Amino acid sequence: MQTIEQLRSEIDGINRELLTLLNRRAALAADIGRIKSLEGKSQSHYDPVREDQQLRELEKLNGGPFSHATVKKIFTEIFRASLDLEESNDKKQLLVSRKVKPGDTVLSIGNVRVGGEVPQVLVAGPCSIESEEQMDATAAFLSARGVKILRGGAYKPRTSPYGFQGMGVDGLVLGSSVAKSYGMQFITEVMDTRDVEIVAEHADILQVGARNMHNFALLREVGRTRKPVLIKRGLSATIEEWLYAAEYVLSEGNSHVILCERGIRTYEKWTRNTLDLSAVALAKQETHLPVIVDVTHAAGRRDLLIPLARAALAVGADGIHVEVHPNPATALSDNEQQLNFAGFEAFNAAIEPLLRRAPQEVSV
C-alpha cells in the first residue's frame, strides 16, 4: 500500500499534467478566437450546441468517482474561461484604461497642472457670463485667493427656451480677456459642433456639459481641437457611458481629458442631483485621467457645498468645481446655488486643510 506522501506526490504530478493540458487547451481556444475574428465573427463566440455536445460526451466517458453533475460543473468553468480567451481578441483595450496607461495623466494647461499627485485645482466662477464688471470682479477676487481656472458660461443650455441663453461670442471674448488679464485659464461650455472652432479660439479648456455627454459628434469634434476637454457625467449616465464619452475624445488623438462628476438624477428631491462619490473612486481606479467634482450642480444648494467638497477630496478627486458670483441674488441663472465672495472665503478655508501641497524645493 502506498503511503500518504506517495499518494500526495502522485497528485502533485497529476496537477502539473492537468495544468499543462489546461494551458494547451486554452491556447487552442485563443487560436479559435483569432480565426473567428479574422472571419469577421466579432459577436459572441458562445456556441451552446457545441457546449452541450461536449458535456454529453464527457458524461458518457465519466467512470467516477466524480458524479456527472460534478464533472459538468468543472468543465463548464473550463469552457467559460476558454470562451473569455476567445472573445478577448475582439475586445479593444480602451485608451482611457489604466491597462493601456498605468500611470496618471497630468495635464499642463498654461500655469496649471491637473491630475496625479500635484495639488488639486479649484475651478470657480459664475454660472453665466453677464457683464464685464461681473467677470472682472470675480476674476480679481478668485485670482487673489489662488484660483487659476476661471469658469463662466457664454452659451447656456437651459431647460426653458425662454431662459437666459448666454452672451454667445461676446461672452467668449469677455471671459477669455478677463482670465488672461489675471493670469488665469478660461473654461467654458461648448454646446454645438458649429461653435467648436470659435470656442476653441477663446477658451483654454472646452467643457462638454452633462446634457451633451452623449453628443458623439460633438465629442469627436472637440477631440480634433487638441484642446483640453472637461467632460461632465450625464444626468442619468452610467460610469461606463461616461468613460466611453471620454474615449470618443481620446480616439481622435486628444489625450487632454478631465472627467467631471456632477451628480446624477435620482428619485431624491432635496438636492438638485445625487453626488456619486463611488464614481470618482472608480474612475480614478479604472482610468488614468484626472477627475474633478462639481459640487455646485450636485447639491444645488449652498449649505451642502463644503461637506460635499471635503468628501470629494477625501475620496481622491483631483479638483473641485464651484460657482461663485459677486451677487448671486441678481444672477441671471442658477442664483440659488452660487456662492458670494464671503461664502467662497468660508468654503476655501474649510477645504484648504485637505488640499495636497506642492513639493517644497530643496536648496543645495
Protein backbone atom coordinates (compact mmCIF):
# COMPACT_ATOMS: atom_id res chain seq x y z
CA MET A 1 0.00 0.00 0.00
CA GLN A 2 1.27 3.45 -0.89
CA THR A 3 1.95 5.95 1.85
CA ILE A 4 0.14 9.30 2.14
CA GLU A 5 3.30 11.07 1.00
CA GLN A 6 3.49 8.85 -2.12
CA LEU A 7 -0.17 9.49 -2.94
CA ARG A 8 0.27 13.22 -2.47
CA SER A 9 3.34 13.16 -4.67
CA GLU A 10 1.32 11.41 -7.37
CA ILE A 11 -1.43 14.03 -7.02
CA ASP A 12 1.17 16.77 -7.39
CA GLY A 13 2.33 15.17 -10.63
CA ILE A 14 -1.23 14.93 -11.94
CA ASN A 15 -1.77 18.61 -11.02
CA ARG A 16 1.19 19.53 -13.19
CA GLU A 17 -0.13 17.39 -16.05
CA LEU A 18 -3.58 18.96 -15.70
CA LEU A 19 -2.09 22.45 -15.74
CA THR A 20 -0.13 21.66 -18.89
CA LEU A 21 -3.23 20.26 -20.59
CA LEU A 22 -5.43 23.17 -19.45
CA ASN A 23 -2.97 25.71 -20.83
CA ARG A 24 -2.69 23.74 -24.06
CA ARG A 25 -6.49 23.75 -24.31
CA ALA A 26 -6.55 27.49 -23.56
CA ALA A 27 -4.01 28.18 -26.33
CA LEU A 28 -6.19 26.28 -28.81
CA ALA A 29 -9.25 28.25 -27.69
CA ALA A 30 -7.33 31.51 -28.19
CA ASP A 31 -6.35 30.36 -31.70
CA ILE A 32 -10.01 29.66 -32.48
CA GLY A 33 -10.88 33.16 -31.26
CA ARG A 34 -8.27 34.71 -33.55
CA ILE A 35 -9.57 32.75 -36.55
CA LYS A 36 -13.16 33.78 -35.84
CA SER A 37 -12.06 37.40 -35.56
CA LEU A 38 -10.33 37.23 -38.93
CA GLU A 39 -13.52 35.77 -40.38
CA GLY A 40 -15.41 38.80 -39.09
CA LYS A 41 -17.27 36.93 -36.36
CA SER A 42 -16.89 39.66 -33.77
CA GLN A 43 -20.15 38.88 -31.99
CA SER A 44 -20.32 36.42 -29.09
CA HIS A 45 -18.33 33.26 -29.73
CA TYR A 46 -20.55 31.21 -27.44
CA ASP A 47 -21.88 28.08 -29.15
CA PRO A 48 -24.45 26.42 -26.86
CA VAL A 49 -24.92 23.43 -29.21
CA ARG A 50 -21.21 22.56 -29.17
CA GLU A 51 -21.02 23.03 -25.40
CA ASP A 52 -23.94 20.66 -24.89
CA GLN A 53 -22.32 18.06 -27.19
CA GLN A 54 -19.06 18.21 -25.24
CA LEU A 55 -20.81 17.86 -21.88
CA ARG A 56 -22.85 14.89 -23.10
CA GLU A 57 -19.70 13.18 -24.41
CA LEU A 58 -17.89 13.73 -21.10
CA GLU A 59 -20.87 12.34 -19.21
CA LYS A 60 -20.70 9.14 -21.28
CA LEU A 61 -16.97 8.80 -20.60
CA ASN A 62 -17.21 9.53 -16.90
CA GLY A 63 -16.49 6.43 -14.83
CA GLY A 64 -16.39 8.12 -11.42
CA PRO A 65 -15.79 8.67 -8.63
CA PHE A 66 -16.95 12.19 -9.60
CA SER A 67 -20.68 12.40 -10.25
CA HIS A 68 -21.93 13.53 -13.63
CA ALA A 69 -23.09 16.81 -12.04
CA THR A 70 -19.62 17.48 -10.62
CA VAL A 71 -17.92 16.75 -13.94
CA LYS A 72 -20.37 19.04 -15.70
CA LYS A 73 -19.69 21.82 -13.19
CA ILE A 74 -15.90 21.51 -13.56
CA PHE A 75 -15.93 21.52 -17.34
CA THR A 76 -18.49 24.32 -17.54
CA GLU A 77 -16.00 26.52 -15.68
CA ILE A 78 -13.23 25.44 -18.06
CA PHE A 79 -15.46 26.24 -21.04
CA ARG A 80 -16.30 29.66 -19.61
CA ALA A 81 -12.63 30.55 -19.07
CA SER A 82 -11.81 29.39 -22.60
CA LEU A 83 -14.64 31.48 -24.03
CA ASP A 84 -13.24 34.56 -22.29
CA LEU A 85 -9.92 33.90 -24.02
CA GLU A 86 -11.62 33.50 -27.40
CA GLU A 87 -13.55 36.75 -27.07
CA SER A 88 -10.62 38.72 -25.63
CA ASN A 89 -9.23 39.01 -29.16
CA ASP A 90 -12.24 41.14 -30.09
CA LYS A 91 -12.04 43.49 -27.11
CA LYS A 92 -10.04 46.59 -27.85
CA GLN A 93 -8.44 48.00 -24.73
CA LEU A 94 -9.88 51.44 -24.08
CA LEU A 95 -7.47 54.35 -24.30
CA VAL A 96 -8.89 55.68 -21.01
CA SER A 97 -7.94 52.46 -19.21
CA ARG A 98 -5.04 52.03 -16.81
CA LYS A 99 -4.33 48.79 -18.67
CA VAL A 100 -3.21 50.95 -21.58
CA LYS A 101 -1.55 53.64 -19.45
CA PRO A 102 -0.86 52.57 -15.84
CA GLY A 103 0.43 55.95 -14.70
CA ASP A 104 -1.68 59.05 -14.05
CA THR A 105 -2.17 61.55 -16.84
CA VAL A 106 -1.13 65.01 -15.66
CA LEU A 107 -2.36 67.87 -17.83
CA SER A 108 -0.34 71.06 -18.18
CA ILE A 109 -2.68 73.91 -19.08
CA GLY A 110 -0.81 77.18 -19.09
CA ASN A 111 0.28 77.73 -15.49
CA VAL A 112 -1.95 74.93 -14.17
CA ARG A 113 -1.28 71.22 -13.73
CA VAL A 114 -4.17 68.80 -13.20
CA GLY A 115 -4.02 65.15 -12.13
CA GLY A 116 -1.60 62.75 -10.48
CA GLU A 117 -0.03 63.88 -7.23
CA VAL A 118 0.04 67.60 -7.99
CA PRO A 119 -2.07 69.92 -5.80
CA GLN A 120 -5.78 69.75 -6.54
CA VAL A 121 -7.25 72.56 -8.62
CA LEU A 122 -10.18 74.83 -7.96
CA VAL A 123 -12.38 75.73 -10.92
CA ALA A 124 -14.53 78.69 -9.95
CA GLY A 125 -16.59 81.47 -11.42
CA PRO A 126 -20.17 82.41 -12.25
CA CYS A 127 -22.71 80.16 -13.90
CA SER A 128 -23.18 82.66 -16.75
CA ILE A 129 -21.04 85.46 -18.11
CA GLU A 130 -23.27 88.52 -17.69
CA SER A 131 -21.09 91.63 -17.88
CA GLU A 132 -17.53 92.90 -17.84
CA GLU A 133 -17.97 94.26 -14.31
CA GLN A 134 -19.22 90.92 -13.04
CA MET A 135 -16.37 88.92 -14.61
CA ASP A 136 -13.65 91.39 -13.66
CA ALA A 137 -14.74 91.50 -10.02
CA THR A 138 -14.97 87.71 -9.85
CA ALA A 139 -11.60 87.08 -11.51
CA ALA A 140 -9.87 89.69 -9.32
CA PHE A 141 -11.30 88.11 -6.18
CA LEU A 142 -10.60 84.49 -7.13
CA SER A 143 -7.10 85.00 -8.53
CA ALA A 144 -6.09 86.76 -5.32
CA ARG A 145 -7.03 83.57 -3.49
CA GLY A 146 -5.03 81.23 -5.67
CA VAL A 147 -7.73 80.07 -8.09
CA LYS A 148 -6.15 79.55 -11.51
CA ILE A 149 -9.10 78.35 -13.60
CA LEU A 150 -11.96 80.77 -14.24
CA ARG A 151 -15.27 79.33 -15.39
CA GLY A 152 -18.17 81.15 -17.00
CA GLY A 153 -20.87 80.14 -19.44
CA ALA A 154 -21.03 82.01 -22.73
CA TYR A 155 -23.59 79.55 -24.11
CA LYS A 156 -26.10 78.24 -21.58
CA PRO A 157 -28.18 75.07 -22.04
CA ARG A 158 -31.48 75.88 -20.34
CA THR A 159 -34.49 73.68 -19.74
CA SER A 160 -36.75 76.52 -20.82
CA PRO A 161 -36.20 78.09 -24.27
CA TYR A 162 -37.12 81.42 -22.67
CA GLY A 163 -34.37 81.37 -20.05
CA PHE A 164 -31.15 83.36 -20.41
CA GLN A 165 -29.13 81.56 -23.08
CA GLY A 166 -25.82 83.36 -22.56
CA MET A 167 -23.94 86.17 -24.33
CA GLY A 168 -22.52 83.92 -27.03
CA VAL A 169 -19.38 85.13 -28.82
CA ASP A 170 -19.34 88.36 -26.81
CA GLY A 171 -19.22 86.26 -23.67
CA LEU A 172 -16.34 84.19 -25.04
CA VAL A 173 -14.29 87.29 -25.81
CA LEU A 174 -15.05 88.78 -22.41
CA GLY A 175 -14.31 85.62 -20.42
CA SER A 176 -11.05 84.98 -22.24
CA SER A 177 -9.87 88.59 -21.92
CA VAL A 178 -10.60 88.82 -18.20
CA ALA A 179 -8.96 85.44 -17.48
CA LYS A 180 -5.78 86.46 -19.31
CA SER A 181 -5.58 89.78 -17.51
CA TYR A 182 -5.46 87.95 -14.17
CA GLY A 183 -3.17 85.11 -15.29
CA MET A 184 -5.98 82.53 -15.21
CA GLN A 185 -7.09 79.78 -17.58
CA PHE A 186 -10.59 80.12 -19.02
CA ILE A 187 -13.06 77.22 -19.24
CA THR A 188 -16.47 77.44 -20.88
CA GLU A 189 -19.04 75.06 -22.31
CA VAL A 190 -19.38 74.29 -26.00
CA MET A 191 -22.83 73.03 -26.97
CA ASP A 192 -22.80 72.69 -30.74
CA THR A 193 -20.36 71.30 -33.29
CA ARG A 194 -20.78 74.54 -35.24
CA ASP A 195 -19.39 76.51 -32.29
CA VAL A 196 -16.33 74.37 -31.55
CA GLU A 197 -13.93 76.41 -33.65
CA ILE A 198 -14.88 79.78 -32.16
CA VAL A 199 -14.99 78.44 -28.58
CA ALA A 200 -11.59 76.78 -29.02
CA GLU A 201 -10.21 80.09 -30.26
CA HIS A 202 -11.02 81.79 -26.94
CA ALA A 203 -11.17 79.07 -24.27
CA ASP A 204 -8.23 77.26 -22.72
CA ILE A 205 -10.43 74.32 -21.71
CA LEU A 206 -13.56 73.17 -23.54
CA GLN A 207 -16.38 71.87 -21.37
CA VAL A 208 -18.81 69.24 -22.61
CA GLY A 209 -21.85 69.57 -20.39
CA ALA A 210 -23.97 66.86 -18.85
CA ARG A 211 -26.70 67.23 -21.47
CA ASN A 212 -24.16 66.79 -24.27
CA MET A 213 -22.21 63.86 -22.87
CA HIS A 214 -23.96 61.59 -25.37
CA ASN A 215 -23.46 64.01 -28.28
CA PHE A 216 -20.92 61.84 -30.07
CA ALA A 217 -20.43 64.23 -32.99
CA LEU A 218 -19.53 66.99 -30.52
CA LEU A 219 -17.16 64.70 -28.62
CA ARG A 220 -15.32 63.85 -31.83
CA GLU A 221 -15.16 67.49 -32.84
CA VAL A 222 -13.68 68.71 -29.55
CA GLY A 223 -11.25 65.78 -29.73
CA ARG A 224 -9.91 67.10 -33.02
CA THR A 225 -9.11 70.51 -31.49
CA ARG A 226 -6.37 69.02 -29.28
CA LYS A 227 -7.51 71.49 -26.61
CA PRO A 228 -8.03 70.22 -23.04
CA VAL A 229 -11.60 68.93 -22.65
CA LEU A 230 -13.62 68.58 -19.45
CA ILE A 231 -16.45 66.03 -19.75
CA LYS A 232 -19.27 66.21 -17.26
CA ARG A 233 -21.11 62.99 -16.49
CA GLY A 234 -24.60 62.90 -17.96
CA LEU A 235 -27.68 63.29 -15.80
CA SER A 236 -28.53 59.59 -15.98
CA ALA A 237 -25.30 58.18 -17.42
CA THR A 238 -23.63 55.07 -16.11
CA ILE A 239 -19.95 55.21 -15.24
CA GLU A 240 -19.23 53.07 -18.31
CA GLU A 241 -21.06 55.51 -20.61
CA TRP A 242 -19.15 58.41 -19.05
CA LEU A 243 -15.82 56.70 -19.74
CA TYR A 244 -16.86 55.88 -23.30
CA ALA A 245 -17.62 59.57 -23.81
CA ALA A 246 -14.01 60.31 -22.84
CA GLU A 247 -12.91 57.51 -25.19
CA TYR A 248 -14.52 59.38 -28.11
CA VAL A 249 -12.23 62.35 -27.42
CA LEU A 250 -9.11 60.22 -26.89
CA SER A 251 -9.83 58.22 -30.05
CA GLU A 252 -9.44 61.46 -32.03
CA GLY A 253 -5.88 61.79 -30.74
CA ASN A 254 -6.65 64.18 -27.88
CA SER A 255 -5.36 62.83 -24.57
CA HIS A 256 -6.03 66.08 -22.67
CA VAL A 257 -9.25 65.00 -20.96
CA ILE A 258 -10.61 65.74 -17.49
CA LEU A 259 -13.59 63.80 -16.13
CA CYS A 260 -16.11 65.70 -14.02
CA GLU A 261 -18.65 64.04 -11.71
CA ARG A 262 -21.55 66.44 -11.11
CA GLY A 263 -24.22 64.23 -9.62
CA ILE A 264 -26.83 62.09 -11.32
CA ARG A 265 -30.62 62.28 -11.38
CA THR A 266 -32.34 60.01 -8.87
CA TYR A 267 -35.68 59.97 -7.04
CA GLU A 268 -34.25 62.32 -4.39
CA LYS A 269 -35.63 65.89 -4.47
CA TRP A 270 -33.91 67.52 -1.50
CA THR A 271 -30.82 68.08 -3.62
CA ARG A 272 -30.59 69.08 -7.28
CA ASN A 273 -28.79 65.82 -8.08
CA THR A 274 -27.25 62.93 -6.14
CA LEU A 275 -23.46 63.15 -5.92
CA ASP A 276 -21.95 59.74 -6.76
CA LEU A 277 -18.62 59.64 -4.94
CA SER A 278 -18.20 55.96 -5.82
CA ALA A 279 -17.92 57.09 -9.45
CA VAL A 280 -14.96 59.30 -8.51
CA ALA A 281 -13.17 56.43 -6.77
CA LEU A 282 -13.92 54.03 -9.64
CA ALA A 283 -12.86 56.47 -12.34
CA LYS A 284 -9.57 57.09 -10.52
CA GLN A 285 -9.05 53.35 -10.20
CA GLU A 286 -10.03 52.34 -13.73
CA THR A 287 -8.66 55.29 -15.71
CA HIS A 288 -5.51 57.38 -15.79
CA LEU A 289 -7.44 60.61 -16.37
CA PRO A 290 -7.85 63.42 -13.83
CA VAL A 291 -11.25 63.51 -12.10
CA ILE A 292 -12.80 66.59 -10.55
CA VAL A 293 -16.14 67.09 -8.79
CA ASP A 294 -18.71 69.81 -9.47
CA VAL A 295 -20.29 70.25 -6.04
CA THR A 296 -22.49 73.15 -7.15
CA HIS A 297 -24.57 71.16 -9.61
CA ALA A 298 -24.51 68.07 -7.41
CA ALA A 299 -26.11 69.85 -4.47
CA GLY A 300 -27.95 72.79 -5.97
CA ARG A 301 -27.80 74.40 -2.52
CA ARG A 302 -25.08 76.39 -0.81
CA ASP A 303 -25.31 74.76 2.62
CA LEU A 304 -24.01 71.40 1.31
CA LEU A 305 -21.07 72.62 -0.76
CA ILE A 306 -18.43 72.39 1.98
CA PRO A 307 -19.17 68.83 3.18
CA LEU A 308 -19.51 67.55 -0.39
CA ALA A 309 -16.22 69.16 -1.42
CA ARG A 310 -14.44 67.72 1.61
CA ALA A 311 -15.85 64.28 0.83
CA ALA A 312 -14.81 64.57 -2.82
CA LEU A 313 -11.24 65.44 -1.87
CA ALA A 314 -11.14 62.62 0.67
CA VAL A 315 -12.17 60.07 -1.97
CA GLY A 316 -9.39 61.18 -4.32
CA ALA A 317 -10.75 63.95 -6.56
CA ASP A 318 -8.13 65.99 -8.42
CA GLY A 319 -10.09 69.18 -8.08
CA ILE A 320 -13.33 70.93 -7.16
CA HIS A 321 -15.67 72.90 -9.41
CA VAL A 322 -17.77 75.56 -7.67
CA GLU A 323 -19.81 78.51 -8.88
CA VAL A 324 -19.06 81.98 -7.48
CA HIS A 325 -20.86 85.25 -8.26
CA PRO A 326 -20.42 88.78 -6.87
CA ASN A 327 -24.12 88.97 -6.08
CA PRO A 328 -25.95 85.65 -6.57
CA ALA A 329 -29.34 87.22 -5.86
CA THR A 330 -29.12 89.14 -9.14
CA ALA A 331 -27.60 86.28 -11.21
CA LEU A 332 -29.36 85.58 -14.50
CA SER A 333 -29.15 81.81 -13.96
CA ASP A 334 -28.95 79.38 -11.00
CA ASN A 335 -28.82 82.18 -8.43
CA GLU A 336 -29.82 79.88 -5.57
CA GLN A 337 -26.70 77.71 -5.80
CA GLN A 338 -23.86 80.17 -6.40
CA LEU A 339 -21.59 81.39 -3.61
CA ASN A 340 -20.97 85.06 -2.98
CA PHE A 341 -17.45 86.19 -2.15
CA ALA A 342 -17.86 85.76 1.60
CA GLY A 343 -19.29 82.31 1.02
CA PHE A 344 -16.30 81.33 -1.09
CA GLU A 345 -13.93 82.58 1.62
CA ALA A 346 -15.58 80.18 4.09
CA PHE A 347 -15.64 77.40 1.51
CA ASN A 348 -11.97 77.81 0.66
CA ALA A 349 -10.94 77.90 4.32
CA ALA A 350 -12.91 74.70 5.03
CA ILE A 351 -11.37 72.60 2.27
CA GLU A 352 -7.86 74.05 2.41
CA PRO A 353 -6.59 71.53 5.03
CA LEU A 354 -7.48 68.67 2.66
CA LEU A 355 -5.60 70.03 -0.34
CA ARG A 356 -2.30 68.47 -1.36
CA ARG A 357 0.72 70.69 -1.00
CA ALA A 358 3.19 71.36 -3.79
CA PRO A 359 6.53 69.68 -3.10
CA GLN A 360 8.96 72.02 -1.42
CA GLU A 361 12.10 72.90 -3.36
CA VAL A 362 15.25 71.86 -1.56
CA SER A 363 18.05 74.41 -1.71
CA VAL A 364 21.54 72.99 -2.09
